[in-house]
Protein backbone atom coordinates (compact mmCIF):
# COMPACT_ATOMS: atom_id res chain seq x y z
CA UNK A 1 -13.82 14.05 14.77
CA UNK A 2 -12.25 16.42 12.59
CA UNK A 3 -10.48 19.79 13.85
CA UNK A 4 -12.32 23.02 12.85
CA UNK A 5 -10.37 25.29 10.67
CA UNK A 6 -11.11 28.16 8.35
CA UNK A 7 -9.52 26.42 5.34
CA UNK A 8 -12.16 23.48 5.86
CA UNK A 9 -13.72 22.80 2.28
CA UNK A 10 -15.93 20.19 4.11
CA UNK A 11 -16.10 18.43 7.52
CA UNK A 12 -13.27 16.44 6.56
CA UNK A 13 -11.41 17.99 4.00
CA UNK A 14 -8.99 20.46 4.30
CA UNK A 15 -6.92 22.86 1.87
CA UNK A 16 -3.57 22.97 2.18
CA UNK A 17 -0.59 24.48 0.72
CA UNK A 18 2.60 22.01 -0.02
CA UNK A 19 5.54 23.71 1.95
CA UNK A 20 8.29 20.90 1.44
CA UNK A 21 8.59 17.27 0.01
CA UNK A 22 10.82 14.96 2.39
CA UNK A 23 11.97 12.25 -0.25
CA UNK A 24 13.76 10.14 2.20
CA UNK A 25 11.51 10.11 5.12
CA UNK A 26 11.76 7.03 8.01
CA UNK A 27 8.73 5.67 6.26
CA UNK A 28 9.35 6.69 2.65
CA UNK A 29 8.46 10.19 1.31
CA UNK A 30 5.92 12.71 2.08
CA UNK A 31 4.92 16.09 2.13
CA UNK A 32 4.56 18.86 4.53
CA UNK A 33 1.76 21.10 4.08
CA UNK A 34 0.32 24.32 5.84
CA UNK A 35 -3.21 24.23 6.45
CA UNK A 36 -4.90 27.53 8.05
CA UNK A 37 -5.86 27.63 11.92
CA UNK A 38 -4.43 24.01 12.15
CA UNK A 39 -0.77 24.14 11.09
CA UNK A 40 1.47 22.03 9.67
CA UNK A 41 0.04 18.46 8.22
CA UNK A 42 1.88 15.68 6.94
CA UNK A 43 0.77 13.18 4.07
CA UNK A 44 2.48 10.49 2.62
CA UNK A 45 3.34 10.18 -0.93
CA UNK A 46 2.36 6.22 -0.89
CA UNK A 47 -0.05 5.19 -3.10
CA UNK A 48 -2.81 4.30 -0.86
CA UNK A 49 -2.57 7.87 0.80
CA UNK A 50 -1.52 10.34 -1.99
CA UNK A 51 -4.35 9.74 -4.93
CA UNK A 52 -2.62 11.47 -7.68
CA UNK A 53 -0.19 10.11 -10.36
CA UNK A 54 1.84 13.09 -10.36
CA UNK A 55 3.87 14.22 -7.02
CA UNK A 56 3.13 17.77 -5.77
CA UNK A 57 5.48 20.59 -5.81
CA UNK A 58 6.01 23.28 -3.14
CA UNK A 59 3.27 25.84 -3.41
CA UNK A 60 0.81 23.49 -4.90
CA UNK A 61 -2.80 23.62 -3.09
CA UNK A 62 -3.73 20.37 -2.22
CA UNK A 63 -6.82 18.62 -0.37
CA UNK A 64 -5.88 16.77 2.60
CA UNK A 65 -8.61 14.22 4.46
CA UNK A 66 -8.61 11.82 7.28
CA UNK A 67 -6.68 14.16 9.59
CA UNK A 68 -5.35 12.37 12.60
CA UNK A 69 -3.43 13.85 15.41
CA UNK A 70 -0.30 12.15 16.44
CA UNK A 71 2.24 12.99 19.14
CA UNK A 72 4.53 14.71 16.27
CA UNK A 73 1.49 16.64 14.83
CA UNK A 74 -1.06 16.24 12.42
CA UNK A 75 -1.24 13.49 9.80
CA UNK A 76 -3.83 13.25 6.74
CA UNK A 77 -4.77 9.64 5.66
CA UNK A 78 -5.41 10.80 2.05
CA UNK A 79 -4.23 13.74 -0.31
CA UNK A 80 -4.88 14.92 -3.75
CA UNK A 81 -4.52 18.16 -5.77
CA UNK A 82 -7.26 20.90 -5.25
CA UNK A 83 -9.83 21.09 -8.13
CA UNK A 84 -12.34 23.66 -9.29
CA UNK A 85 -15.03 21.66 -7.68
CA UNK A 86 -13.44 22.19 -4.31
CA UNK A 87 -13.14 25.87 -4.77
CA UNK A 88 -16.69 25.80 -5.22
CA UNK A 89 -17.84 23.44 -2.34
CA UNK A 90 -15.77 25.82 -0.30
CA UNK A 91 -17.38 29.30 -1.58
CA UNK A 92 -20.64 27.69 -0.77
CA UNK A 93 -19.68 26.49 2.93
CA UNK A 94 -18.65 30.16 3.37
CA UNK A 95 -21.90 31.58 2.17
CA UNK A 96 -23.80 29.73 4.74
């Protein structure tokens, strides 16, 4: 089940903005992103989770998916940079 948010690109993908990068996390490097109507979501920068070669920078728009609610907050099981096709998909969803 995915949370309902105003920034959903589709059922399981959410647009977020990178707020900060934690390089020395307990379980490795990760990002903290803000997602409208959900709040802060973390995403590991491990290769199995972050699907890009480059790391994001603060202020970068990203797409997070596979959100899971943990005791400490929301976690994404996948993350990548936002693409123009994501914007188009989001616009179509809002028009429906």
